[in-house]
Amino acid sequence: MSTNPKTGKDYRKDTGNLITFNPTDAKAEWAKAQQELGKSSLTLTLLTADTEDAKNAGEFLQGQIESHLPGVHITLKSIPVAQRIAWSAQAIMTSRLGLGPQILTIRSTSWMCINRLVS
């Protein structure tokens, strides 16, 4: 679908595997977070754009996180794309889910164990 204009290689082959699936590491990071926070459970709200693709990606992430990290609960909230862009620009959100060319990326200032969970 997408190629690197300098090399002509497929984007995915050129960038490699940026995020690996490692639920064992994610569980270990979650256990550390539980100790540091003194909590056994945590509820987070994942904002998605109100597009069908964004909603589907949010549901996938919710399922993966909740099934691999006991005690973590994800609440989904869809907002209009323009509002999500405005909030992101104003730094109202600390995490953002983005769909790029053939990849799923998470940019976050916290909760690194999620990055190890999603492939």
PDB file of N, CA and C in Angstrom:
ATOM      1  N   MET A   1       0.812  -1.192   0.000  1.00  0.00           N
ATOM      2  CA  MET A   1       0.000   0.000   0.000  1.00  0.00           C
ATOM      3  C   MET A   1       0.859   1.261   0.000  1.00  0.00           C
ATOM      4  N   SER A   2       1.740   1.367   0.967  1.00  0.00           N
ATOM      5  CA  SER A   2       2.588   2.552   1.069  1.00  0.00           C
ATOM      6  C   SER A   2       4.040   2.145   0.910  1.00  0.00           C
ATOM      7  N   THR A   3       4.789   3.001   0.248  1.00  0.00           N
ATOM      8  CA  THR A   3       6.206   2.722   0.055  1.00  0.00           C
ATOM      9  C   THR A   3       7.046   3.913   0.485  1.00  0.00           C
ATOM     10  N   ASN A   4       8.276   3.610   0.845  1.00  0.00           N
ATOM     11  CA  ASN A   4       9.235   4.648   1.177  1.00  0.00           C
ATOM     12  C   ASN A   4       9.671   5.287  -0.138  1.00  0.00           C
ATOM     13  N   PRO A   5       9.480   6.598  -0.296  1.00  0.00           N
ATOM     14  CA  PRO A   5       9.814   7.235  -1.572  1.00  0.00           C
ATOM     15  C   PRO A   5      11.299   7.192  -1.913  1.00  0.00           C
ATOM     16  N   LYS A   6      12.163   7.042  -0.897  1.00  0.00           N
ATOM     17  CA  LYS A   6      13.602   7.004  -1.163  1.00  0.00           C
ATOM     18  C   LYS A   6      14.074   5.616  -1.579  1.00  0.00           C
ATOM     19  N   THR A   7      13.503   4.572  -0.956  1.00  0.00           N
ATOM     20  CA  THR A   7      13.970   3.216  -1.238  1.00  0.00           C
ATOM     21  C   THR A   7      13.025   2.427  -2.123  1.00  0.00           C
ATOM     22  N   GLY A   8      11.753   2.829  -2.179  1.00  0.00           N
ATOM     23  CA  GLY A   8      10.763   2.086  -2.948  1.00  0.00           C
ATOM     24  C   GLY A   8      10.259   0.844  -2.225  1.00  0.00           C
ATOM     25  N   LYS A   9      10.782   0.591  -1.022  1.00  0.00           N
ATOM     26  CA  LYS A   9      10.367  -0.589  -0.259  1.00  0.00           C
ATOM     27  C   LYS A   9       9.005  -0.362   0.383  1.00  0.00           C
ATOM     28  N   ASP A  10       8.294  -1.487   0.581  1.00  0.00           N
ATOM     29  CA  ASP A  10       7.036  -1.449   1.309  1.00  0.00           C
ATOM     30  C   ASP A  10       7.270  -0.829   2.684  1.00  0.00           C
ATOM     31  N   TYR A  11       6.375   0.047   3.088  1.00  0.00           N
ATOM     32  CA  TYR A  11       6.513   0.772   4.350  1.00  0.00           C
ATOM     33  C   TYR A  11       6.723  -0.161   5.533  1.00  0.00           C
ATOM     34  N   ARG A  12       5.940  -1.233   5.627  1.00  0.00           N
ATOM     35  CA  ARG A  12       6.055  -2.161   6.762  1.00  0.00           C
ATOM     36  C   ARG A  12       7.420  -2.859   6.776  1.00  0.00           C
ATOM     37  N   LYS A  13       7.909  -3.248   5.615  1.00  0.00           N
ATOM     38  CA  LYS A  13       9.216  -3.913   5.565  1.00  0.00           C
ATOM     39  C   LYS A  13      10.333  -2.932   5.890  1.00  0.00           C
ATOM     40  N   ASP A  14      10.169  -1.701   5.463  1.00  0.00           N
ATOM     41  CA  ASP A  14      11.193  -0.678   5.674  1.00  0.00           C
ATOM     42  C   ASP A  14      11.285  -0.257   7.141  1.00  0.00           C
ATOM     43  N   THR A  15      10.152  -0.213   7.845  1.00  0.00           N
ATOM     44  CA  THR A  15      10.160   0.231   9.239  1.00  0.00           C
ATOM     45  C   THR A  15      10.367  -0.904  10.226  1.00  0.00           C
ATOM     46  N   GLY A  16      10.070  -2.131   9.814  1.00  0.00           N
ATOM     47  CA  GLY A  16      10.217  -3.264  10.725  1.00  0.00           C
ATOM     48  C   GLY A  16       9.066  -3.328  11.720  1.00  0.00           C
ATOM     49  N   ASN A  17       9.213  -4.204  12.704  1.00  0.00           N
ATOM     50  CA  ASN A  17       8.177  -4.397  13.718  1.00  0.00           C
ATOM     51  C   ASN A  17       8.402  -3.387  14.837  1.00  0.00           C
ATOM     52  N   LEU A  18       7.600  -2.339  14.869  1.00  0.00           N
ATOM     53  CA  LEU A  18       7.797  -1.256  15.825  1.00  0.00           C
ATOM     54  C   LEU A  18       7.260  -1.587  17.213  1.00  0.00           C
ATOM     55  N   ILE A  19       6.237  -2.396  17.278  1.00  0.00           N
ATOM     56  CA  ILE A  19       5.640  -2.762  18.559  1.00  0.00           C
ATOM     57  C   ILE A  19       5.465  -4.278  18.576  1.00  0.00           C
ATOM     58  N   THR A  20       6.017  -4.910  19.581  1.00  0.00           N
ATOM     59  CA  THR A  20       5.908  -6.356  19.663  1.00  0.00           C
ATOM     60  C   THR A  20       4.820  -6.756  20.650  1.00  0.00           C
ATOM     61  N   PHE A  21       4.254  -7.913  20.428  1.00  0.00           N
ATOM     62  CA  PHE A  21       3.232  -8.460  21.304  1.00  0.00           C
ATOM     63  C   PHE A  21       3.928  -9.246  22.402  1.00  0.00           C
ATOM     64  N   ASN A  22       3.861  -8.759  23.636  1.00  0.00           N
ATOM     65  CA  ASN A  22       4.513  -9.437  24.741  1.00  0.00           C
ATOM     66  C   ASN A  22       3.665  -9.293  26.009  1.00  0.00           C
ATOM     67  N   PRO A  23       2.624 -10.128  26.132  1.00  0.00           N
ATOM     68  CA  PRO A  23       1.748 -10.014  27.297  1.00  0.00           C
ATOM     69  C   PRO A  23       2.457 -10.303  28.617  1.00  0.00           C
ATOM     70  N   THR A  24       3.513 -11.093  28.605  1.00  0.00           N
ATOM     71  CA  THR A  24       4.252 -11.379  29.836  1.00  0.00           C
ATOM     72  C   THR A  24       4.893 -10.110  30.385  1.00  0.00           C
ATOM     73  N   ASP A  25       5.563  -9.351  29.513  1.00  0.00           N
ATOM     74  CA  ASP A  25       6.155  -8.075  29.935  1.00  0.00           C
ATOM     75  C   ASP A  25       5.078  -7.084  30.364  1.00  0.00           C
ATOM     76  N   ALA A  26       3.970  -7.069  29.647  1.00  0.00           N
ATOM     77  CA  ALA A  26       2.883  -6.146  29.997  1.00  0.00           C
ATOM     78  C   ALA A  26       2.343  -6.463  31.389  1.00  0.00           C
ATOM     79  N   LYS A  27       2.172  -7.744  31.692  1.00  0.00           N
ATOM     80  CA  LYS A  27       1.676  -8.141  33.020  1.00  0.00           C
ATOM     81  C   LYS A  27       2.675  -7.767  34.105  1.00  0.00           C
ATOM     82  N   ALA A  28       3.948  -7.922  33.825  1.00  0.00           N
ATOM     83  CA  ALA A  28       4.978  -7.549  34.802  1.00  0.00           C
ATOM     84  C   ALA A  28       4.962  -6.041  35.055  1.00  0.00           C
ATOM     85  N   GLU A  29       4.819  -5.253  33.996  1.00  0.00           N
ATOM     86  CA  GLU A  29       4.743  -3.796  34.144  1.00  0.00           C
ATOM     87  C   GLU A  29       3.479  -3.402  34.905  1.00  0.00           C
ATOM     88  N   TRP A  30       2.375  -4.091  34.637  1.00  0.00           N
ATOM     89  CA  TRP A  30       1.130  -3.814  35.339  1.00  0.00           C
ATOM     90  C   TRP A  30       1.270  -4.145  36.823  1.00  0.00           C
ATOM     91  N   ALA A  31       1.947  -5.241  37.147  1.00  0.00           N
ATOM     92  CA  ALA A  31       2.169  -5.606  38.556  1.00  0.00           C
ATOM     93  C   ALA A  31       2.989  -4.519  39.265  1.00  0.00           C
ATOM     94  N   LYS A  32       3.995  -3.984  38.585  1.00  0.00           N
ATOM     95  CA  LYS A  32       4.794  -2.887  39.159  1.00  0.00           C
ATOM     96  C   LYS A  32       3.926  -1.650  39.392  1.00  0.00           C
ATOM     97  N   ALA A  33       3.095  -1.339  38.406  1.00  0.00           N
ATOM     98  CA  ALA A  33       2.219  -0.173  38.521  1.00  0.00           C
ATOM     99  C   ALA A  33       1.250  -0.342  39.688  1.00  0.00           C
ATOM    100  N   GLN A  34       0.720  -1.554  39.857  1.00  0.00           N
ATOM    101  CA  GLN A  34      -0.203  -1.807  40.967  1.00  0.00           C
ATOM    102  C   GLN A  34       0.480  -1.563  42.305  1.00  0.00           C
ATOM    103  N   GLN A  35       1.717  -2.013  42.424  1.00  0.00           N
ATOM    104  CA  GLN A  35       2.459  -1.806  43.669  1.00  0.00           C
ATOM    105  C   GLN A  35       2.720  -0.316  43.904  1.00  0.00           C
ATOM    106  N   GLU A  36       3.170   0.378  42.875  1.00  0.00           N
ATOM    107  CA  GLU A  36       3.479   1.803  43.011  1.00  0.00           C
ATOM    108  C   GLU A  36       2.234   2.628  43.341  1.00  0.00           C
ATOM    109  N   LEU A  37       1.106   2.261  42.727  1.00  0.00           N
ATOM    110  CA  LEU A  37      -0.126   3.007  42.939  1.00  0.00           C
ATOM    111  C   LEU A  37      -0.878   2.561  44.191  1.00  0.00           C
ATOM    112  N   GLY A  38      -0.567   1.365  44.661  1.00  0.00           N
ATOM    113  CA  GLY A  38      -1.297   0.814  45.787  1.00  0.00           C
ATOM    114  C   GLY A  38      -2.732   0.469  45.422  1.00  0.00           C
ATOM    115  N   LYS A  39      -2.943   0.092  44.170  1.00  0.00           N
ATOM    116  CA  LYS A  39      -4.284  -0.243  43.683  1.00  0.00           C
ATOM    117  C   LYS A  39      -4.239  -1.573  42.946  1.00  0.00           C
ATOM    118  N   SER A  40      -5.346  -2.303  43.026  1.00  0.00           N
ATOM    119  CA  SER A  40      -5.419  -3.571  42.305  1.00  0.00           C
ATOM    120  C   SER A  40      -6.209  -3.434  41.012  1.00  0.00           C
ATOM    121  N   SER A  41      -6.885  -2.297  40.842  1.00  0.00           N
ATOM    122  CA  SER A  41      -7.642  -2.089  39.614  1.00  0.00           C
ATOM    123  C   SER A  41      -7.525  -0.637  39.167  1.00  0.00           C
ATOM    124  N   LEU A  42      -7.833  -0.436  37.908  1.00  0.00           N
ATOM    125  CA  LEU A  42      -7.698   0.880  37.305  1.00  0.00           C
ATOM    126  C   LEU A  42      -8.698   0.979  36.165  1.00  0.00           C
ATOM    127  N   THR A  43      -9.394   2.085  36.083  1.00  0.00           N
ATOM    128  CA  THR A  43     -10.308   2.323  34.975  1.00  0.00           C
ATOM    129  C   THR A  43      -9.794   3.513  34.177  1.00  0.00           C
ATOM    130  N   LEU A  44      -9.629   3.301  32.880  1.00  0.00           N
ATOM    131  CA  LEU A  44      -9.159   4.346  31.973  1.00  0.00           C
ATOM    132  C   LEU A  44     -10.217   4.597  30.915  1.00  0.00           C
ATOM    133  N   THR A  45     -10.278   5.811  30.433  1.00  0.00           N
ATOM    134  CA  THR A  45     -11.174   6.138  29.326  1.00  0.00           C
ATOM    135  C   THR A  45     -10.335   6.298  28.075  1.00  0.00           C
ATOM    136  N   LEU A  46     -10.690   5.551  27.045  1.00  0.00           N
ATOM    137  CA  LEU A  46     -10.012   5.640  25.755  1.00  0.00           C
ATOM    138  C   LEU A  46     -10.907   6.432  24.815  1.00  0.00           C
ATOM    139  N   LEU A  47     -10.451   7.611  24.438  1.00  0.00           N
ATOM    140  CA  LEU A  47     -11.196   8.434  23.489  1.00  0.00           C
ATOM    141  C   LEU A  47     -10.846   8.006  22.077  1.00  0.00           C
ATOM    142  N   THR A  48     -11.864   7.835  21.263  1.00  0.00           N
ATOM    143  CA  THR A  48     -11.642   7.541  19.851  1.00  0.00           C
ATOM    144  C   THR A  48     -12.430   8.546  19.034  1.00  0.00           C
ATOM    145  N   ALA A  49     -12.034   8.701  17.811  1.00  0.00           N
ATOM    146  CA  ALA A  49     -12.843   9.498  16.886  1.00  0.00           C
ATOM    147  C   ALA A  49     -14.148   8.749  16.662  1.00  0.00           C
ATOM    148  N   ASP A  50     -15.157   9.439  16.197  1.00  0.00           N
ATOM    149  CA  ASP A  50     -16.459   8.799  16.022  1.00  0.00           C
ATOM    150  C   ASP A  50     -16.615   8.125  14.661  1.00  0.00           C
ATOM    151  N   THR A  51     -15.500   7.721  14.070  1.00  0.00           N
ATOM    152  CA  THR A  51     -15.551   6.973  12.811  1.00  0.00           C
ATOM    153  C   THR A  51     -15.640   5.482  13.112  1.00  0.00           C
ATOM    154  N   GLU A  52     -16.145   4.731  12.173  1.00  0.00           N
ATOM    155  CA  GLU A  52     -16.302   3.287  12.377  1.00  0.00           C
ATOM    156  C   GLU A  52     -14.951   2.609  12.612  1.00  0.00           C
ATOM    157  N   ASP A  53     -13.923   2.991  11.830  1.00  0.00           N
ATOM    158  CA  ASP A  53     -12.592   2.388  11.999  1.00  0.00           C
ATOM    159  C   ASP A  53     -12.018   2.679  13.379  1.00  0.00           C
ATOM    160  N   ALA A  54     -12.160   3.919  13.838  1.00  0.00           N
ATOM    161  CA  ALA A  54     -11.626   4.285  15.154  1.00  0.00           C
ATOM    162  C   ALA A  54     -12.370   3.546  16.263  1.00  0.00           C
ATOM    163  N   LYS A  55     -13.675   3.430  16.135  1.00  0.00           N
ATOM    164  CA  LYS A  55     -14.465   2.694  17.135  1.00  0.00           C
ATOM    165  C   LYS A  55     -14.047   1.226  17.175  1.00  0.00           C
ATOM    166  N   ASN A  56     -13.860   0.615  16.000  1.00  0.00           N
ATOM    167  CA  ASN A  56     -13.430  -0.788  15.942  1.00  0.00           C
ATOM    168  C   ASN A  56     -12.048  -0.972  16.569  1.00  0.00           C
ATOM    169  N   ALA A  57     -11.135  -0.044  16.286  1.00  0.00           N
ATOM    170  CA  ALA A  57      -9.792  -0.123  16.874  1.00  0.00           C
ATOM    171  C   ALA A  57      -9.874   0.013  18.387  1.00  0.00           C
ATOM    172  N   GLY A  58     -10.712   0.917  18.868  1.00  0.00           N
ATOM    173  CA  GLY A  58     -10.898   1.082  20.305  1.00  0.00           C
ATOM    174  C   GLY A  58     -11.438  -0.170  20.970  1.00  0.00           C
ATOM    175  N   GLU A  59     -12.408  -0.811  20.334  1.00  0.00           N
ATOM    176  CA  GLU A  59     -12.972  -2.047  20.877  1.00  0.00           C
ATOM    177  C   GLU A  59     -11.926  -3.160  20.906  1.00  0.00           C
ATOM    178  N   PHE A  60     -11.098  -3.214  19.870  1.00  0.00           N
ATOM    179  CA  PHE A  60     -10.031  -4.219  19.840  1.00  0.00           C
ATOM    180  C   PHE A  60      -9.063  -3.993  20.997  1.00  0.00           C
ATOM    181  N   LEU A  61      -8.621  -2.756  21.162  1.00  0.00           N
ATOM    182  CA  LEU A  61      -7.693  -2.441  22.251  1.00  0.00           C
ATOM    183  C   LEU A  61      -8.318  -2.735  23.612  1.00  0.00           C
ATOM    184  N   GLN A  62      -9.557  -2.369  23.786  1.00  0.00           N
ATOM    185  CA  GLN A  62     -10.261  -2.629  25.041  1.00  0.00           C
ATOM    186  C   GLN A  62     -10.237  -4.129  25.351  1.00  0.00           C
ATOM    187  N   GLY A  63     -10.565  -4.944  24.376  1.00  0.00           N
ATOM    188  CA  GLY A  63     -10.577  -6.392  24.570  1.00  0.00           C
ATOM    189  C   GLY A  63      -9.205  -6.952  24.895  1.00  0.00           C
ATOM    190  N   GLN A  64      -8.188  -6.496  24.170  1.00  0.00           N
ATOM    191  CA  GLN A  64      -6.833  -6.984  24.401  1.00  0.00           C
ATOM    192  C   GLN A  64      -6.324  -6.591  25.784  1.00  0.00           C
ATOM    193  N   ILE A  65      -6.520  -5.348  26.146  1.00  0.00           N
ATOM    194  CA  ILE A  65      -6.018  -4.863  27.429  1.00  0.00           C
ATOM    195  C   ILE A  65      -6.735  -5.556  28.580  1.00  0.00           C
ATOM    196  N   GLU A  66      -8.058  -5.605  28.515  1.00  0.00           N
ATOM    197  CA  GLU A  66      -8.818  -6.201  29.608  1.00  0.00           C
ATOM    198  C   GLU A  66      -8.585  -7.709  29.727  1.00  0.00           C
ATOM    199  N   SER A  67      -8.332  -8.386  28.615  1.00  0.00           N
ATOM    200  CA  SER A  67      -8.121  -9.840  28.691  1.00  0.00           C
ATOM    201  C   SER A  67      -6.719 -10.201  29.176  1.00  0.00           C
ATOM    202  N   HIS A  68      -5.748  -9.316  28.977  1.00  0.00           N
ATOM    203  CA  HIS A  68      -4.373  -9.622  29.376  1.00  0.00           C
ATOM    204  C   HIS A  68      -3.938  -8.970  30.685  1.00  0.00           C
ATOM    205  N   LEU A  69      -4.641  -7.939  31.114  1.00  0.00           N
ATOM    206  CA  LEU A  69      -4.251  -7.230  32.335  1.00  0.00           C
ATOM    207  C   LEU A  69      -5.416  -7.216  33.325  1.00  0.00           C
ATOM    208  N   PRO A  70      -5.515  -8.260  34.148  1.00  0.00           N
ATOM    209  CA  PRO A  70      -6.616  -8.334  35.116  1.00  0.00           C
ATOM    210  C   PRO A  70      -6.637  -7.099  36.015  1.00  0.00           C
ATOM    211  N   GLY A  71      -7.812  -6.528  36.168  1.00  0.00           N
ATOM    212  CA  GLY A  71      -7.955  -5.336  36.997  1.00  0.00           C
ATOM    213  C   GLY A  71      -7.956  -4.045  36.212  1.00  0.00           C
ATOM    214  N   VAL A  72      -7.608  -4.110  34.935  1.00  0.00           N
ATOM    215  CA  VAL A  72      -7.651  -2.912  34.098  1.00  0.00           C
ATOM    216  C   VAL A  72      -8.972  -2.922  33.330  1.00  0.00           C
ATOM    217  N   HIS A  73      -9.691  -1.823  33.448  1.00  0.00           N
ATOM    218  CA  HIS A  73     -10.975  -1.682  32.767  1.00  0.00           C
ATOM    219  C   HIS A  73     -10.901  -0.463  31.855  1.00  0.00           C
ATOM    220  N   ILE A  74     -11.320  -0.643  30.623  1.00  0.00           N
ATOM    221  CA  ILE A  74     -11.270   0.424  29.634  1.00  0.00           C
ATOM    222  C   ILE A  74     -12.693   0.842  29.289  1.00  0.00           C
ATOM    223  N   THR A  75     -12.967   2.131  29.444  1.00  0.00           N
ATOM    224  CA  THR A  75     -14.237   2.701  29.026  1.00  0.00           C
ATOM    225  C   THR A  75     -13.990   3.412  27.709  1.00  0.00           C
ATOM    226  N   LEU A  76     -14.811   3.130  26.725  1.00  0.00           N
ATOM    227  CA  LEU A  76     -14.655   3.765  25.415  1.00  0.00           C
ATOM    228  C   LEU A  76     -15.564   4.985  25.315  1.00  0.00           C
ATOM    229  N   LYS A  77     -15.029   6.049  24.718  1.00  0.00           N
ATOM    230  CA  LYS A  77     -15.815   7.251  24.467  1.00  0.00           C
ATOM    231  C   LYS A  77     -15.445   7.772  23.089  1.00  0.00           C
ATOM    232  N   SER A  78     -16.433   7.864  22.217  1.00  0.00           N
ATOM    233  CA  SER A  78     -16.212   8.379  20.864  1.00  0.00           C
ATOM    234  C   SER A  78     -16.567   9.849  20.819  1.00  0.00           C
ATOM    235  N   ILE A  79     -15.699  10.633  20.188  1.00  0.00           N
ATOM    236  CA  ILE A  79     -15.942  12.061  20.035  1.00  0.00           C
ATOM    237  C   ILE A  79     -15.721  12.437  18.570  1.00  0.00           C
ATOM    238  N   PRO A  80     -16.317  13.535  18.121  1.00  0.00           N
ATOM    239  CA  PRO A  80     -16.118  13.952  16.729  1.00  0.00           C
ATOM    240  C   PRO A  80     -14.633  14.164  16.419  1.00  0.00           C
ATOM    241  N   VAL A  81     -14.268  13.861  15.193  1.00  0.00           N
ATOM    242  CA  VAL A  81     -12.867  13.958  14.768  1.00  0.00           C
ATOM    243  C   VAL A  81     -12.307  15.355  15.028  1.00  0.00           C
ATOM    244  N   ALA A  82     -13.059  16.382  14.712  1.00  0.00           N
ATOM    245  CA  ALA A  82     -12.576  17.757  14.910  1.00  0.00           C
ATOM    246  C   ALA A  82     -12.287  18.033  16.387  1.00  0.00           C
ATOM    247  N   GLN A  83     -13.127  17.497  17.275  1.00  0.00           N
ATOM    248  CA  GLN A  83     -12.906  17.687  18.710  1.00  0.00           C
ATOM    249  C   GLN A  83     -11.653  16.941  19.165  1.00  0.00           C
ATOM    250  N   ARG A  84     -11.449  15.709  18.655  1.00  0.00           N
ATOM    251  CA  ARG A  84     -10.267  14.937  19.017  1.00  0.00           C
ATOM    252  C   ARG A  84      -9.007  15.674  18.575  1.00  0.00           C
ATOM    253  N   ILE A  85      -9.018  16.235  17.375  1.00  0.00           N
ATOM    254  CA  ILE A  85      -7.853  16.967  16.865  1.00  0.00           C
ATOM    255  C   ILE A  85      -7.601  18.207  17.732  1.00  0.00           C
ATOM    256  N   ALA A  86      -8.656  18.918  18.082  1.00  0.00           N
ATOM    257  CA  ALA A  86      -8.504  20.116  18.917  1.00  0.00           C
ATOM    258  C   ALA A  86      -7.956  19.757  20.292  1.00  0.00           C
ATOM    259  N   TRP A  87      -8.487  18.711  20.895  1.00  0.00           N
ATOM    260  CA  TRP A  87      -8.008  18.284  22.216  1.00  0.00           C
ATOM    261  C   TRP A  87      -6.552  17.858  22.153  1.00  0.00           C
ATOM    262  N   SER A  88      -6.180  17.153  21.088  1.00  0.00           N
ATOM    263  CA  SER A  88      -4.792  16.707  20.932  1.00  0.00           C
ATOM    264  C   SER A  88      -3.868  17.917  20.806  1.00  0.00           C
ATOM    265  N   ALA A  89      -4.270  18.905  20.016  1.00  0.00           N
ATOM    266  CA  ALA A  89      -3.450  20.103  19.821  1.00  0.00           C
ATOM    267  C   ALA A  89      -3.320  20.911  21.115  1.00  0.00           C
ATOM    268  N   GLN A  90      -4.349  20.874  21.948  1.00  0.00           N
ATOM    269  CA  GLN A  90      -4.338  21.623  23.203  1.00  0.00           C
ATOM    270  C   GLN A  90      -3.733  20.816  24.356  1.00  0.00           C
ATOM    271  N   ALA A  91      -3.267  19.618  24.071  1.00  0.00           N
ATOM    272  CA  ALA A  91      -2.670  18.733  25.076  1.00  0.00           C
ATOM    273  C   ALA A  91      -3.648  18.388  26.195  1.00  0.00           C
ATOM    274  N   ILE A  92      -4.937  18.317  25.872  1.00  0.00           N
ATOM    275  CA  ILE A  92      -5.937  17.887  26.842  1.00  0.00           C
ATOM    276  C   ILE A  92      -5.831  16.382  27.045  1.00  0.00           C
ATOM    277  N   MET A  93      -5.435  15.666  26.000  1.00  0.00           N
ATOM    278  CA  MET A  93      -5.276  14.209  26.079  1.00  0.00           C
ATOM    279  C   MET A  93      -3.804  13.889  26.289  1.00  0.00           C
ATOM    280  N   THR A  94      -3.514  12.859  27.091  1.00  0.00           N
ATOM    281  CA  THR A  94      -2.136  12.432  27.266  1.00  0.00           C
ATOM    282  C   THR A  94      -1.807  11.232  26.384  1.00  0.00           C
ATOM    283  N   SER A  95      -2.805  10.560  25.851  1.00  0.00           N
ATOM    284  CA  SER A  95      -2.592   9.421  24.968  1.00  0.00           C
ATOM    285  C   SER A  95      -3.432   9.614  23.724  1.00  0.00           C
ATOM    286  N   ARG A  96      -2.906   9.102  22.612  1.00  0.00           N
ATOM    287  CA  ARG A  96      -3.631   9.245  21.359  1.00  0.00           C
ATOM    288  C   ARG A  96      -3.442   7.992  20.537  1.00  0.00           C
ATOM    289  N   LEU A  97      -4.508   7.486  20.010  1.00  0.00           N
ATOM    290  CA  LEU A  97      -4.470   6.326  19.138  1.00  0.00           C
ATOM    291  C   LEU A  97      -4.509   6.823  17.714  1.00  0.00           C
ATOM    292  N   GLY A  98      -3.585   6.343  16.890  1.00  0.00           N
ATOM    293  CA  GLY A  98      -3.575   6.762  15.498  1.00  0.00           C
ATOM    294  C   GLY A  98      -3.424   5.579  14.577  1.00  0.00           C
ATOM    295  N   LEU A  99      -4.147   5.608  13.487  1.00  0.00           N
ATOM    296  CA  LEU A  99      -4.007   4.580  12.464  1.00  0.00           C
ATOM    297  C   LEU A  99      -3.193   5.161  11.328  1.00  0.00           C
ATOM    298  N   GLY A 100      -2.013   4.604  11.112  1.00  0.00           N
ATOM    299  CA  GLY A 100      -1.151   5.062  10.040  1.00  0.00           C
ATOM    300  C   GLY A 100      -1.148   4.040   8.921  1.00  0.00           C
ATOM    301  N   PRO A 101      -0.314   4.227   7.929  1.00  0.00           N
ATOM    302  CA  PRO A 101      -0.267   3.284   6.808  1.00  0.00           C
ATOM    303  C   PRO A 101       0.075   1.873   7.293  1.00  0.00           C
ATOM    304  N   GLN A 102      -0.906   1.023   7.367  1.00  0.00           N
ATOM    305  CA  GLN A 102      -0.761  -0.391   7.714  1.00  0.00           C
ATOM    306  C   GLN A 102      -0.224  -0.635   9.121  1.00  0.00           C
ATOM    307  N   ILE A 103      -0.249   0.347   9.999  1.00  0.00           N
ATOM    308  CA  ILE A 103       0.231   0.123  11.362  1.00  0.00           C
ATOM    309  C   ILE A 103      -0.715   0.763  12.362  1.00  0.00           C
ATOM    310  N   LEU A 104      -0.678   0.250  13.562  1.00  0.00           N
ATOM    311  CA  LEU A 104      -1.421   0.827  14.666  1.00  0.00           C
ATOM    312  C   LEU A 104      -0.402   1.385  15.631  1.00  0.00           C
ATOM    313  N   THR A 105      -0.522   2.655  15.968  1.00  0.00           N
ATOM    314  CA  THR A 105       0.451   3.262  16.866  1.00  0.00           C
ATOM    315  C   THR A 105      -0.246   3.823  18.089  1.00  0.00           C
ATOM    316  N   ILE A 106       0.442   3.795  19.191  1.00  0.00           N
ATOM    317  CA  ILE A 106      -0.037   4.460  20.396  1.00  0.00           C
ATOM    318  C   ILE A 106       1.046   5.417  20.826  1.00  0.00           C
ATOM    319  N   ARG A 107       0.679   6.648  21.027  1.00  0.00           N
ATOM    320  CA  ARG A 107       1.608   7.627  21.563  1.00  0.00           C
ATOM    321  C   ARG A 107       1.094   7.984  22.944  1.00  0.00           C
ATOM    322  N   SER A 108       1.938   7.829  23.933  1.00  0.00           N
ATOM    323  CA  SER A 108       1.479   8.050  25.292  1.00  0.00           C
ATOM    324  C   SER A 108       2.599   8.585  26.154  1.00  0.00           C
ATOM    325  N   THR A 109       2.241   9.410  27.129  1.00  0.00           N
ATOM    326  CA  THR A 109       3.223   9.895  28.082  1.00  0.00           C
ATOM    327  C   THR A 109       3.253   9.023  29.324  1.00  0.00           C
ATOM    328  N   SER A 110       2.381   8.028  29.377  1.00  0.00           N
ATOM    329  CA  SER A 110       2.332   7.159  30.539  1.00  0.00           C
ATOM    330  C   SER A 110       1.853   5.779  30.132  1.00  0.00           C
ATOM    331  N   TRP A 111       1.911   4.873  31.062  1.00  0.00           N
ATOM    332  CA  TRP A 111       1.370   3.519  30.946  1.00  0.00           C
ATOM    333  C   TRP A 111       2.009   2.739  29.808  1.00  0.00           C
ATOM    334  N   MET A 112       3.306   2.552  29.900  1.00  0.00           N
ATOM    335  CA  MET A 112       4.058   1.916  28.836  1.00  0.00           C
ATOM    336  C   MET A 112       3.710   0.454  28.644  1.00  0.00           C
ATOM    337  N   CYS A 113       3.099  -0.192  29.639  1.00  0.00           N
ATOM    338  CA  CYS A 113       2.780  -1.607  29.470  1.00  0.00           C
ATOM    339  C   CYS A 113       1.784  -1.816  28.342  1.00  0.00           C
ATOM    340  N   ILE A 114       0.956  -0.833  28.032  1.00  0.00           N
ATOM    341  CA  ILE A 114       0.023  -0.977  26.907  1.00  0.00           C
ATOM    342  C   ILE A 114       0.801  -1.140  25.616  1.00  0.00           C
ATOM    343  N   ASN A 115       1.904  -0.418  25.471  1.00  0.00           N
ATOM    344  CA  ASN A 115       2.686  -0.515  24.237  1.00  0.00           C
ATOM    345  C   ASN A 115       3.202  -1.926  23.996  1.00  0.00           C
ATOM    346  N   ARG A 116       3.486  -2.658  25.051  1.00  0.00           N
ATOM    347  CA  ARG A 116       4.001  -4.012  24.883  1.00  0.00           C
ATOM    348  C   ARG A 116       2.896  -5.013  24.611  1.00  0.00           C
ATOM    349  N   LEU A 117       1.653  -4.600  24.777  1.00  0.00           N
ATOM    350  CA  LEU A 117       0.532  -5.511  24.663  1.00  0.00           C
ATOM    351  C   LEU A 117      -0.054  -5.565  23.273  1.00  0.00           C
ATOM    352  N   VAL A 118       0.040  -4.474  22.530  1.00  0.00           N
ATOM    353  CA  VAL A 118      -0.625  -4.382  21.247  1.00  0.00           C
ATOM    354  C   VAL A 118       0.377  -4.619  20.127  1.00  0.00           C
ATOM    355  N   SER A 119      -0.003  -5.479  19.198  1.00  0.00           N
ATOM    356  CA  SER A 119       0.880  -5.708  18.038  1.00  0.00           C
ATOM    357  C   SER A 119       0.290  -5.110  16.798  1.00  0.00           C
TER     358      SER A 119
END
